Amino acid sequence: MLNIKNIQRALLKYAGQDDEQLARTLAVYGAVLQRAAQLAKDAPGPVPEWTPEEISAARLGKAVLLSERPVVLDPVRLEAVARDLAQTFIDAAGLTGKERAACEAVDWAGVAAKLPSPLDAEGLAAFLPAAAQAAGNEGLGEIFVLPVTGFALRVLLDAAGTEASRAIDALEPDTVHAERPLRCPVCGSAAAIASVAGTMRNGNVKKLYCTCCGASWKFERIRCALCGDEAVSDLNYVHDEGDEAHRLHVCKSCGGAMPTVFAGEELQFNPDVEGMVMSALENYYDAEAAGAK
């Protein structure tokens, strides 16, 4: 969920970073994230009326809600939101000269034209790669076009992801024996990050978060969130010395690693901000894994 106060608290927690690269990442993308939250608050996106049966199937990983009942998004609004967020990025990054001109020349109308209508899980998976090509500048893809497009799409999907998460959570019994879905039950995207946090009712609970639509869902503590392996011997946590809160849940079976934050209280956790903080640890692990091959 794009909650402005939650985002601001999370950013404040990491203010004054010694790591200059992380500090810049938080400053630039943090500004875009806050603006996205404001836009989502001012004009929430549409929320399909999923049935209880569809919600129940999604909770068990037997359906993806956007494929059961696709959402109709306005490409004109997507373009307007993308332009707004792009300008926020440019200003926060302090871009000037050729860099600024290149970013301002991105074809956001062309990006928005690639948006499928109605949008289902399959269309969503194909949209971002198509959007990057339509932008007209391949060199800006990873650092500018894709993040801005992703945040813009999030503005339009956040209400649907948030409401669906609440509906799924309401159906979740205190003791669950069924396996939860590996991919987002709302939009079908891969989970971006996990948290282990205290809740008011159930003690410490593990959750997975989708930063594409803003959905979250409970998940098993001893299970790989990437491949579903439940063998205890295949799973372990790695973390930097002196920082046990930020960990990678590493799976020997698939070789993957899910960034996981031991967050204390659930309300203090922001998946988008923590994803930025965890990127350095992920990159280090990827480099180490590549060197071991």
C-alpha atoms as a PDB file:
ATOM      1  CA  MET A   1       0.000   0.000   0.000  1.00  0.00           C
ATOM      2  CA  LEU A   2       1.255   3.476  -0.904  1.00  0.00           C
ATOM      3  CA  ASN A   3       0.969   5.222   2.442  1.00  0.00           C
ATOM      4  CA  ILE A   4       2.715   8.592   2.581  1.00  0.00           C
ATOM      5  CA  LYS A   5       3.315   8.646   6.346  1.00  0.00           C
ATOM      6  CA  ASN A   6       4.666   5.095   6.331  1.00  0.00           C
ATOM      7  CA  ILE A   7       7.032   5.949   3.463  1.00  0.00           C
ATOM      8  CA  GLN A   8       8.251   9.092   5.189  1.00  0.00           C
ATOM      9  CA  ARG A   9       8.902   7.214   8.441  1.00  0.00           C
ATOM     10  CA  ALA A  10      10.861   4.563   6.564  1.00  0.00           C
ATOM     11  CA  LEU A  11      12.952   7.147   4.706  1.00  0.00           C
ATOM     12  CA  LEU A  12      13.628   9.067   7.908  1.00  0.00           C
ATOM     13  CA  LYS A  13      14.935   5.877   9.489  1.00  0.00           C
ATOM     14  CA  TYR A  14      17.724   5.776   6.902  1.00  0.00           C
ATOM     15  CA  ALA A  15      18.508   9.502   6.816  1.00  0.00           C
ATOM     16  CA  GLY A  16      22.194  10.410   7.157  1.00  0.00           C
ATOM     17  CA  GLN A  17      23.501   7.305   5.406  1.00  0.00           C
ATOM     18  CA  ASP A  18      27.285   6.945   5.178  1.00  0.00           C
ATOM     19  CA  ASP A  19      26.811   4.921   1.995  1.00  0.00           C
ATOM     20  CA  GLU A  20      26.672   7.695  -0.614  1.00  0.00           C
ATOM     21  CA  GLN A  21      25.151   5.493  -3.312  1.00  0.00           C
ATOM     22  CA  LEU A  22      22.343   4.332  -1.009  1.00  0.00           C
ATOM     23  CA  ALA A  23      21.761   7.880   0.206  1.00  0.00           C
ATOM     24  CA  ARG A  24      21.344   9.070  -3.382  1.00  0.00           C
ATOM     25  CA  THR A  25      19.078   6.141  -4.246  1.00  0.00           C
ATOM     26  CA  LEU A  26      16.838   6.913  -1.278  1.00  0.00           C
ATOM     27  CA  ALA A  27      16.812  10.628  -2.109  1.00  0.00           C
ATOM     28  CA  VAL A  28      15.862  10.208  -5.760  1.00  0.00           C
ATOM     29  CA  TYR A  29      13.620   7.149  -5.786  1.00  0.00           C
ATOM     30  CA  GLY A  30      12.276   8.076  -2.344  1.00  0.00           C
ATOM     31  CA  ALA A  31      11.034  11.360  -3.792  1.00  0.00           C
ATOM     32  CA  VAL A  32       9.372   9.500  -6.673  1.00  0.00           C
ATOM     33  CA  LEU A  33       7.801   7.026  -4.253  1.00  0.00           C
ATOM     34  CA  GLN A  34       6.357   9.806  -2.093  1.00  0.00           C
ATOM     35  CA  ARG A  35       4.935  11.554  -5.141  1.00  0.00           C
ATOM     36  CA  ALA A  36       3.424   8.256  -6.328  1.00  0.00           C
ATOM     37  CA  ALA A  37       1.743   7.855  -2.943  1.00  0.00           C
ATOM     38  CA  GLN A  38       0.266  11.343  -3.181  1.00  0.00           C
ATOM     39  CA  LEU A  39      -1.063  10.713  -6.695  1.00  0.00           C
ATOM     40  CA  ALA A  40      -2.595   7.402  -5.615  1.00  0.00           C
ATOM     41  CA  LYS A  41      -4.251   9.109  -2.656  1.00  0.00           C
ATOM     42  CA  ASP A  42      -5.627  11.972  -4.765  1.00  0.00           C
ATOM     43  CA  ALA A  43      -7.120   9.704  -7.443  1.00  0.00           C
ATOM     44  CA  PRO A  44      -7.181   5.975  -6.526  1.00  0.00           C
ATOM     45  CA  GLY A  45      -7.260   3.493  -9.367  1.00  0.00           C
ATOM     46  CA  PRO A  46     -10.179   1.155 -10.068  1.00  0.00           C
ATOM     47  CA  VAL A  47     -10.896  -1.924  -7.940  1.00  0.00           C
ATOM     48  CA  PRO A  48     -12.608  -4.881  -9.666  1.00  0.00           C
ATOM     49  CA  GLU A  49     -15.435  -6.553  -7.758  1.00  0.00           C
ATOM     50  CA  TRP A  50     -13.913  -9.979  -7.239  1.00  0.00           C
ATOM     51  CA  THR A  51     -16.168 -12.689  -5.872  1.00  0.00           C
ATOM     52  CA  PRO A  52     -15.482 -14.489  -2.566  1.00  0.00           C
ATOM     53  CA  GLU A  53     -14.784 -17.637  -4.599  1.00  0.00           C
ATOM     54  CA  GLU A  54     -12.151 -15.804  -6.667  1.00  0.00           C
ATOM     55  CA  ILE A  55     -10.544 -14.356  -3.541  1.00  0.00           C
ATOM     56  CA  SER A  56     -10.456 -17.804  -1.933  1.00  0.00           C
ATOM     57  CA  ALA A  57      -8.856 -19.370  -5.012  1.00  0.00           C
ATOM     58  CA  ALA A  58      -6.228 -16.621  -5.152  1.00  0.00           C
ATOM     59  CA  ARG A  59      -5.367 -17.109  -1.474  1.00  0.00           C
ATOM     60  CA  LEU A  60      -4.519 -20.743  -2.209  1.00  0.00           C
ATOM     61  CA  GLY A  61      -2.553 -19.944  -5.342  1.00  0.00           C
ATOM     62  CA  LYS A  62      -5.186 -21.489  -7.608  1.00  0.00           C
ATOM     63  CA  ALA A  63      -5.991 -18.249  -9.413  1.00  0.00           C
ATOM     64  CA  VAL A  64      -4.573 -14.802 -10.158  1.00  0.00           C
ATOM     65  CA  LEU A  65      -7.190 -12.143  -9.548  1.00  0.00           C
ATOM     66  CA  LEU A  66      -6.286  -9.916 -12.494  1.00  0.00           C
ATOM     67  CA  SER A  67      -6.722 -12.874 -14.818  1.00  0.00           C
ATOM     68  CA  GLU A  68     -10.039 -13.827 -13.236  1.00  0.00           C
ATOM     69  CA  ARG A  69     -11.338 -10.284 -13.524  1.00  0.00           C
ATOM     70  CA  PRO A  70      -9.015  -7.909 -15.427  1.00  0.00           C
ATOM     71  CA  VAL A  71      -8.826  -4.230 -14.554  1.00  0.00           C
ATOM     72  CA  VAL A  72      -9.468  -1.432 -17.050  1.00  0.00           C
ATOM     73  CA  LEU A  73      -6.840   1.292 -16.724  1.00  0.00           C
ATOM     74  CA  ASP A  74      -6.832   4.651 -18.487  1.00  0.00           C
ATOM     75  CA  PRO A  75      -3.724   5.052 -20.675  1.00  0.00           C
ATOM     76  CA  VAL A  76      -4.181   8.831 -20.655  1.00  0.00           C
ATOM     77  CA  ARG A  77      -3.925   8.837 -16.868  1.00  0.00           C
ATOM     78  CA  LEU A  78      -0.940   6.482 -16.997  1.00  0.00           C
ATOM     79  CA  GLU A  79       0.831   8.907 -19.327  1.00  0.00           C
ATOM     80  CA  ALA A  80       0.026  11.889 -17.090  1.00  0.00           C
ATOM     81  CA  VAL A  81       1.219  10.069 -13.957  1.00  0.00           C
ATOM     82  CA  ALA A  82       4.401   8.909 -15.692  1.00  0.00           C
ATOM     83  CA  ARG A  83       5.192  12.462 -16.812  1.00  0.00           C
ATOM     84  CA  ASP A  84       4.608  13.755 -13.295  1.00  0.00           C
ATOM     85  CA  LEU A  85       6.833  11.098 -11.722  1.00  0.00           C
ATOM     86  CA  ALA A  86       9.478  11.554 -14.406  1.00  0.00           C
ATOM     87  CA  GLN A  87       9.704  15.242 -13.584  1.00  0.00           C
ATOM     88  CA  THR A  88       9.950  14.405  -9.888  1.00  0.00           C
ATOM     89  CA  PHE A  89      12.861  12.063 -10.683  1.00  0.00           C
ATOM     90  CA  ILE A  90      14.630  14.678 -12.835  1.00  0.00           C
ATOM     91  CA  ASP A  91      14.333  17.350 -10.155  1.00  0.00           C
ATOM     92  CA  ALA A  92      15.304  15.069  -7.260  1.00  0.00           C
ATOM     93  CA  ALA A  93      18.348  13.802  -9.170  1.00  0.00           C
ATOM     94  CA  GLY A  94      19.383  17.362 -10.038  1.00  0.00           C
ATOM     95  CA  LEU A  95      19.835  16.463 -13.695  1.00  0.00           C
ATOM     96  CA  THR A  96      21.102  19.162 -16.036  1.00  0.00           C
ATOM     97  CA  GLY A  97      22.309  19.507 -19.594  1.00  0.00           C
ATOM     98  CA  LYS A  98      22.242  16.470 -21.865  1.00  0.00           C
ATOM     99  CA  GLU A  99      21.082  14.085 -19.105  1.00  0.00           C
ATOM    100  CA  ARG A 100      18.066  16.246 -18.336  1.00  0.00           C
ATOM    101  CA  ALA A 101      17.251  16.722 -22.017  1.00  0.00           C
ATOM    102  CA  ALA A 102      17.435  12.973 -22.661  1.00  0.00           C
ATOM    103  CA  CYS A 103      15.060  12.206 -19.776  1.00  0.00           C
ATOM    104  CA  GLU A 104      12.642  14.943 -20.785  1.00  0.00           C
ATOM    105  CA  ALA A 105      12.573  13.550 -24.347  1.00  0.00           C
ATOM    106  CA  VAL A 106      11.202  10.146 -23.305  1.00  0.00           C
ATOM    107  CA  ASP A 107       8.029   9.307 -25.230  1.00  0.00           C
ATOM    108  CA  TRP A 108       5.573   8.698 -22.373  1.00  0.00           C
ATOM    109  CA  ALA A 109       2.648   8.689 -24.808  1.00  0.00           C
ATOM    110  CA  GLY A 110       4.301   5.796 -26.600  1.00  0.00           C
ATOM    111  CA  VAL A 111       4.816   4.017 -23.288  1.00  0.00           C
ATOM    112  CA  ALA A 112       1.153   4.453 -22.302  1.00  0.00           C
ATOM    113  CA  ALA A 113       0.024   3.252 -25.733  1.00  0.00           C
ATOM    114  CA  LYS A 114       1.491  -0.183 -24.924  1.00  0.00           C
ATOM    115  CA  LEU A 115      -0.829  -0.611 -21.925  1.00  0.00           C
ATOM    116  CA  PRO A 116      -3.238  -3.524 -22.609  1.00  0.00           C
ATOM    117  CA  SER A 117      -6.927  -2.906 -21.999  1.00  0.00           C
ATOM    118  CA  PRO A 118      -8.298  -4.632 -20.079  1.00  0.00           C
ATOM    119  CA  LEU A 119      -5.159  -5.530 -18.157  1.00  0.00           C
ATOM    120  CA  ASP A 120      -4.729  -9.124 -16.966  1.00  0.00           C
ATOM    121  CA  ALA A 121      -1.711 -10.904 -15.480  1.00  0.00           C
ATOM    122  CA  GLU A 122      -0.364 -11.982 -18.880  1.00  0.00           C
ATOM    123  CA  GLY A 123      -0.680  -8.475 -20.289  1.00  0.00           C
ATOM    124  CA  LEU A 124       0.997  -7.001 -17.235  1.00  0.00           C
ATOM    125  CA  ALA A 125       4.005  -9.304 -17.610  1.00  0.00           C
ATOM    126  CA  ALA A 126       4.456  -8.164 -21.218  1.00  0.00           C
ATOM    127  CA  PHE A 127       3.841  -4.472 -20.584  1.00  0.00           C
ATOM    128  CA  LEU A 128       7.072  -3.302 -18.938  1.00  0.00           C
ATOM    129  CA  PRO A 129       9.426  -4.792 -21.577  1.00  0.00           C
ATOM    130  CA  ALA A 130       7.239  -3.265 -24.308  1.00  0.00           C
ATOM    131  CA  ALA A 131       7.177   0.060 -22.463  1.00  0.00           C
ATOM    132  CA  ALA A 132      10.962   0.191 -22.278  1.00  0.00           C
ATOM    133  CA  GLN A 133      11.218  -0.251 -26.048  1.00  0.00           C
ATOM    134  CA  ALA A 134       8.512   2.341 -26.715  1.00  0.00           C
ATOM    135  CA  ALA A 135      10.279   4.975 -24.601  1.00  0.00           C
ATOM    136  CA  GLY A 136      12.769   5.651 -27.369  1.00  0.00           C
ATOM    137  CA  ASN A 137      16.017   5.612 -25.342  1.00  0.00           C
ATOM    138  CA  GLU A 138      17.447   2.222 -24.427  1.00  0.00           C
ATOM    139  CA  GLY A 139      20.244   3.756 -22.361  1.00  0.00           C
ATOM    140  CA  LEU A 140      17.743   5.163 -19.863  1.00  0.00           C
ATOM    141  CA  GLY A 141      15.790   1.945 -19.438  1.00  0.00           C
ATOM    142  CA  GLU A 142      17.086   0.483 -16.184  1.00  0.00           C
ATOM    143  CA  ILE A 143      17.666   3.663 -14.208  1.00  0.00           C
ATOM    144  CA  PHE A 144      14.823   5.878 -15.438  1.00  0.00           C
ATOM    145  CA  VAL A 145      12.188   4.529 -17.820  1.00  0.00           C
ATOM    146  CA  LEU A 146      11.421   1.222 -16.106  1.00  0.00           C
ATOM    147  CA  PRO A 147      11.354   2.604 -12.532  1.00  0.00           C
ATOM    148  CA  VAL A 148       9.163   5.560 -13.525  1.00  0.00           C
ATOM    149  CA  THR A 149       6.829   3.335 -15.545  1.00  0.00           C
ATOM    150  CA  GLY A 150       6.668   0.849 -12.672  1.00  0.00           C
ATOM    151  CA  PHE A 151       5.801   3.550 -10.148  1.00  0.00           C
ATOM    152  CA  ALA A 152       3.186   4.999 -12.524  1.00  0.00           C
ATOM    153  CA  LEU A 153       1.580   1.595 -12.963  1.00  0.00           C
ATOM    154  CA  ARG A 154       1.671   1.132  -9.192  1.00  0.00           C
ATOM    155  CA  VAL A 155      -0.314   4.367  -8.739  1.00  0.00           C
ATOM    156  CA  LEU A 156      -3.095   2.912 -10.872  1.00  0.00           C
ATOM    157  CA  LEU A 157      -2.970  -0.602  -9.359  1.00  0.00           C
ATOM    158  CA  ASP A 158      -2.337   0.156  -5.699  1.00  0.00           C
ATOM    159  CA  ALA A 159      -5.996   0.441  -4.683  1.00  0.00           C
ATOM    160  CA  ALA A 160      -6.792  -2.916  -6.300  1.00  0.00           C
ATOM    161  CA  GLY A 161      -3.750  -4.585  -4.725  1.00  0.00           C
ATOM    162  CA  THR A 162      -4.510  -3.154  -1.298  1.00  0.00           C
ATOM    163  CA  GLU A 163      -8.197  -4.090  -1.270  1.00  0.00           C
ATOM    164  CA  ALA A 164      -7.512  -7.584  -2.595  1.00  0.00           C
ATOM    165  CA  SER A 165      -4.848  -8.111   0.094  1.00  0.00           C
ATOM    166  CA  ARG A 166      -7.324  -7.142   2.799  1.00  0.00           C
ATOM    167  CA  ALA A 167      -9.908  -9.541   1.391  1.00  0.00           C
ATOM    168  CA  ILE A 168      -7.373 -12.390   1.208  1.00  0.00           C
ATOM    169  CA  ASP A 169      -6.127 -11.676   4.721  1.00  0.00           C
ATOM    170  CA  ALA A 170      -9.686 -11.725   6.072  1.00  0.00           C
ATOM    171  CA  LEU A 171     -10.078 -15.293   4.794  1.00  0.00           C
ATOM    172  CA  GLU A 172      -6.782 -16.447   6.332  1.00  0.00           C
ATOM    173  CA  PRO A 173      -7.402 -18.637   9.388  1.00  0.00           C
ATOM    174  CA  ASP A 174      -5.046 -18.460  12.371  1.00  0.00           C
ATOM    175  CA  THR A 175      -3.660 -21.920  11.559  1.00  0.00           C
ATOM    176  CA  VAL A 176      -3.085 -22.565   7.887  1.00  0.00           C
ATOM    177  CA  HIS A 177      -2.025 -25.914   6.481  1.00  0.00           C
ATOM    178  CA  ALA A 178      -2.355 -25.074   2.772  1.00  0.00           C
ATOM    179  CA  GLU A 179       0.672 -23.722   0.926  1.00  0.00           C
ATOM    180  CA  ARG A 180       0.453 -20.066   0.002  1.00  0.00           C
ATOM    181  CA  PRO A 181       1.183 -18.787  -3.526  1.00  0.00           C
ATOM    182  CA  LEU A 182       4.739 -18.050  -4.615  1.00  0.00           C
ATOM    183  CA  ARG A 183       3.663 -15.292  -6.994  1.00  0.00           C
ATOM    184  CA  CYS A 184       1.395 -12.362  -6.274  1.00  0.00           C
ATOM    185  CA  PRO A 185      -2.203 -13.613  -5.952  1.00  0.00           C
ATOM    186  CA  VAL A 186      -3.449 -10.297  -7.343  1.00  0.00           C
ATOM    187  CA  CYS A 187      -1.317  -9.548 -10.429  1.00  0.00           C
ATOM    188  CA  GLY A 188       0.891 -12.634 -10.832  1.00  0.00           C
ATOM    189  CA  SER A 189       4.206 -10.790 -10.447  1.00  0.00           C
ATOM    190  CA  ALA A 190       7.092 -12.253  -8.483  1.00  0.00           C
ATOM    191  CA  ALA A 191       7.366 -11.198  -4.858  1.00  0.00           C
ATOM    192  CA  ALA A 192       9.954  -8.451  -4.444  1.00  0.00           C
ATOM    193  CA  ILE A 193      10.710  -8.683  -0.735  1.00  0.00           C
ATOM    194  CA  ALA A 194       9.600 -10.418   2.460  1.00  0.00           C
ATOM    195  CA  SER A 195       9.209  -9.325   6.054  1.00  0.00           C
ATOM    196  CA  VAL A 196       9.016 -11.110   9.373  1.00  0.00           C
ATOM    197  CA  ALA A 197       7.157  -8.803  11.722  1.00  0.00           C
ATOM    198  CA  GLY A 198       5.046  -8.824  14.830  1.00  0.00           C
ATOM    199  CA  THR A 199       1.281  -8.567  14.423  1.00  0.00           C
ATOM    200  CA  MET A 200      -1.404  -7.801  16.988  1.00  0.00           C
ATOM    201  CA  ARG A 201      -3.128 -11.187  16.631  1.00  0.00           C
ATOM    202  CA  ASN A 202      -0.705 -13.798  15.378  1.00  0.00           C
ATOM    203  CA  GLY A 203       2.729 -13.000  16.790  1.00  0.00           C
ATOM    204  CA  ASN A 204       5.569 -12.902  14.272  1.00  0.00           C
ATOM    205  CA  VAL A 205       4.271 -13.476  10.747  1.00  0.00           C
ATOM    206  CA  LYS A 206       6.123 -13.721   7.466  1.00  0.00           C
ATOM    207  CA  LYS A 207       4.702 -11.834   4.498  1.00  0.00           C
ATOM    208  CA  LEU A 208       5.631 -11.474   0.857  1.00  0.00           C
ATOM    209  CA  TYR A 209       5.180  -8.162  -0.935  1.00  0.00           C
ATOM    210  CA  CYS A 210       4.494  -7.323  -4.563  1.00  0.00           C
ATOM    211  CA  THR A 211       5.813  -3.878  -5.442  1.00  0.00           C
ATOM    212  CA  CYS A 212       4.086  -4.015  -8.838  1.00  0.00           C
ATOM    213  CA  CYS A 213       0.517  -3.743  -7.510  1.00  0.00           C
ATOM    214  CA  GLY A 214       1.104  -3.213  -3.777  1.00  0.00           C
ATOM    215  CA  ALA A 215      -0.365  -6.539  -2.653  1.00  0.00           C
ATOM    216  CA  SER A 216       0.939  -8.564   0.298  1.00  0.00           C
ATOM    217  CA  TRP A 217       0.173 -12.048   1.579  1.00  0.00           C
ATOM    218  CA  LYS A 218       1.197 -14.347   4.413  1.00  0.00           C
ATOM    219  CA  PHE A 219       3.801 -17.008   3.689  1.00  0.00           C
ATOM    220  CA  GLU A 220       5.451 -19.958   5.428  1.00  0.00           C
ATOM    221  CA  ARG A 221       8.535 -19.109   7.487  1.00  0.00           C
ATOM    222  CA  ILE A 222      10.456 -22.258   6.461  1.00  0.00           C
ATOM    223  CA  ARG A 223       9.890 -22.292   2.713  1.00  0.00           C
ATOM    224  CA  CYS A 224      11.671 -20.803  -0.288  1.00  0.00           C
ATOM    225  CA  ALA A 225       9.595 -17.917  -1.646  1.00  0.00           C
ATOM    226  CA  LEU A 226      11.116 -18.458  -5.089  1.00  0.00           C
ATOM    227  CA  CYS A 227      10.776 -22.187  -5.748  1.00  0.00           C
ATOM    228  CA  GLY A 228       8.670 -23.450  -2.827  1.00  0.00           C
ATOM    229  CA  ASP A 229      11.317 -25.802  -1.382  1.00  0.00           C
ATOM    230  CA  GLU A 230      10.515 -26.663   2.238  1.00  0.00           C
ATOM    231  CA  ALA A 231      13.631 -28.689   3.094  1.00  0.00           C
ATOM    232  CA  VAL A 232      15.178 -27.066   6.165  1.00  0.00           C
ATOM    233  CA  SER A 233      18.639 -28.232   5.100  1.00  0.00           C
ATOM    234  CA  ASP A 234      18.327 -26.261   1.829  1.00  0.00           C
ATOM    235  CA  LEU A 235      17.423 -22.939   3.439  1.00  0.00           C
ATOM    236  CA  ASN A 236      19.496 -20.484   5.427  1.00  0.00           C
ATOM    237  CA  TYR A 237      19.808 -16.770   6.071  1.00  0.00           C
ATOM    238  CA  VAL A 238      22.849 -14.657   5.220  1.00  0.00           C
ATOM    239  CA  HIS A 239      23.433 -11.066   6.304  1.00  0.00           C
ATOM    240  CA  ASP A 240      26.104  -8.450   6.794  1.00  0.00           C
ATOM    241  CA  GLU A 241      27.978  -8.499  10.069  1.00  0.00           C
ATOM    242  CA  GLY A 242      26.309  -6.140  12.517  1.00  0.00           C
ATOM    243  CA  ASP A 243      22.996  -6.019  10.623  1.00  0.00           C
ATOM    244  CA  GLU A 244      20.798  -8.996  11.395  1.00  0.00           C
ATOM    245  CA  ALA A 245      17.593  -7.191  10.408  1.00  0.00           C
ATOM    246  CA  HIS A 246      18.361  -7.261   6.676  1.00  0.00           C
ATOM    247  CA  ARG A 247      18.869 -10.807   5.452  1.00  0.00           C
ATOM    248  CA  LEU A 248      18.753 -12.916   2.314  1.00  0.00           C
ATOM    249  CA  HIS A 249      16.821 -16.174   2.609  1.00  0.00           C
ATOM    250  CA  VAL A 250      19.042 -18.359   0.444  1.00  0.00           C
ATOM    251  CA  CYS A 251      17.851 -21.600  -1.146  1.00  0.00           C
ATOM    252  CA  LYS A 252      20.335 -24.284  -2.213  1.00  0.00           C
ATOM    253  CA  SER A 253      17.701 -25.981  -4.349  1.00  0.00           C
ATOM    254  CA  CYS A 254      17.092 -23.105  -6.777  1.00  0.00           C
ATOM    255  CA  GLY A 255      20.080 -20.894  -5.960  1.00  0.00           C
ATOM    256  CA  GLY A 256      17.806 -17.932  -5.340  1.00  0.00           C
ATOM    257  CA  ALA A 257      17.786 -15.464  -2.480  1.00  0.00           C
ATOM    258  CA  MET A 258      14.736 -13.577  -1.192  1.00  0.00           C
ATOM    259  CA  PRO A 259      15.503 -10.279   0.562  1.00  0.00           C
ATOM    260  CA  THR A 260      13.868 -10.515   3.985  1.00  0.00           C
ATOM    261  CA  VAL A 261      13.600  -7.849   6.663  1.00  0.00           C
ATOM    262  CA  PHE A 262      13.084  -8.736  10.308  1.00  0.00           C
ATOM    263  CA  ALA A 263      11.050  -5.632  10.879  1.00  0.00           C
ATOM    264  CA  GLY A 264       9.917  -5.610  14.491  1.00  0.00           C
ATOM    265  CA  GLU A 265       6.375  -4.268  14.147  1.00  0.00           C
ATOM    266  CA  GLU A 266       4.488  -4.702  10.882  1.00  0.00           C
ATOM    267  CA  LEU A 267       3.367  -1.068  10.676  1.00  0.00           C
ATOM    268  CA  GLN A 268       6.989   0.101  10.685  1.00  0.00           C
ATOM    269  CA  PHE A 269       7.846  -1.839   7.525  1.00  0.00           C
ATOM    270  CA  ASN A 270       7.753  -0.327   4.036  1.00  0.00           C
ATOM    271  CA  PRO A 271       8.551  -2.803   1.256  1.00  0.00           C
ATOM    272  CA  ASP A 272       9.468  -0.178  -1.340  1.00  0.00           C
ATOM    273  CA  VAL A 273      11.974   1.658   0.854  1.00  0.00           C
ATOM    274  CA  GLU A 274      13.416  -1.565   2.268  1.00  0.00           C
ATOM    275  CA  GLY A 275      13.820  -2.863  -1.277  1.00  0.00           C
ATOM    276  CA  MET A 276      16.122   0.090  -1.996  1.00  0.00           C
ATOM    277  CA  VAL A 277      18.096  -0.580   1.198  1.00  0.00           C
ATOM    278  CA  MET A 278      18.421  -4.295   0.400  1.00  0.00           C
ATOM    279  CA  SER A 279      19.697  -3.772  -3.161  1.00  0.00           C
ATOM    280  CA  ALA A 280      23.367  -3.566  -2.108  1.00  0.00           C
ATOM    281  CA  LEU A 281      23.198  -6.877  -0.220  1.00  0.00           C
ATOM    282  CA  GLU A 282      21.422  -8.521  -3.176  1.00  0.00           C
ATOM    283  CA  ASN A 283      24.030  -7.239  -5.629  1.00  0.00           C
ATOM    284  CA  TYR A 284      26.850  -8.495  -3.397  1.00  0.00           C
ATOM    285  CA  TYR A 285      25.268 -11.948  -3.116  1.00  0.00           C
ATOM    286  CA  ASP A 286      24.684 -12.118  -6.901  1.00  0.00           C
ATOM    287  CA  ALA A 287      28.328 -11.203  -7.537  1.00  0.00           C
ATOM    288  CA  GLU A 288      29.541 -13.812  -5.043  1.00  0.00           C
ATOM    289  CA  ALA A 289      27.281 -16.467  -6.571  1.00  0.00           C
ATOM    290  CA  ALA A 290      28.490 -15.644 -10.079  1.00  0.00           C
ATOM    291  CA  GLY A 291      32.116 -15.842  -8.953  1.00  0.00           C
ATOM    292  CA  ALA A 292      31.547 -19.269  -7.425  1.00  0.00           C
ATOM    293  CA  LYS A 293      30.349 -20.770 -10.698  1.00  0.00           C
END
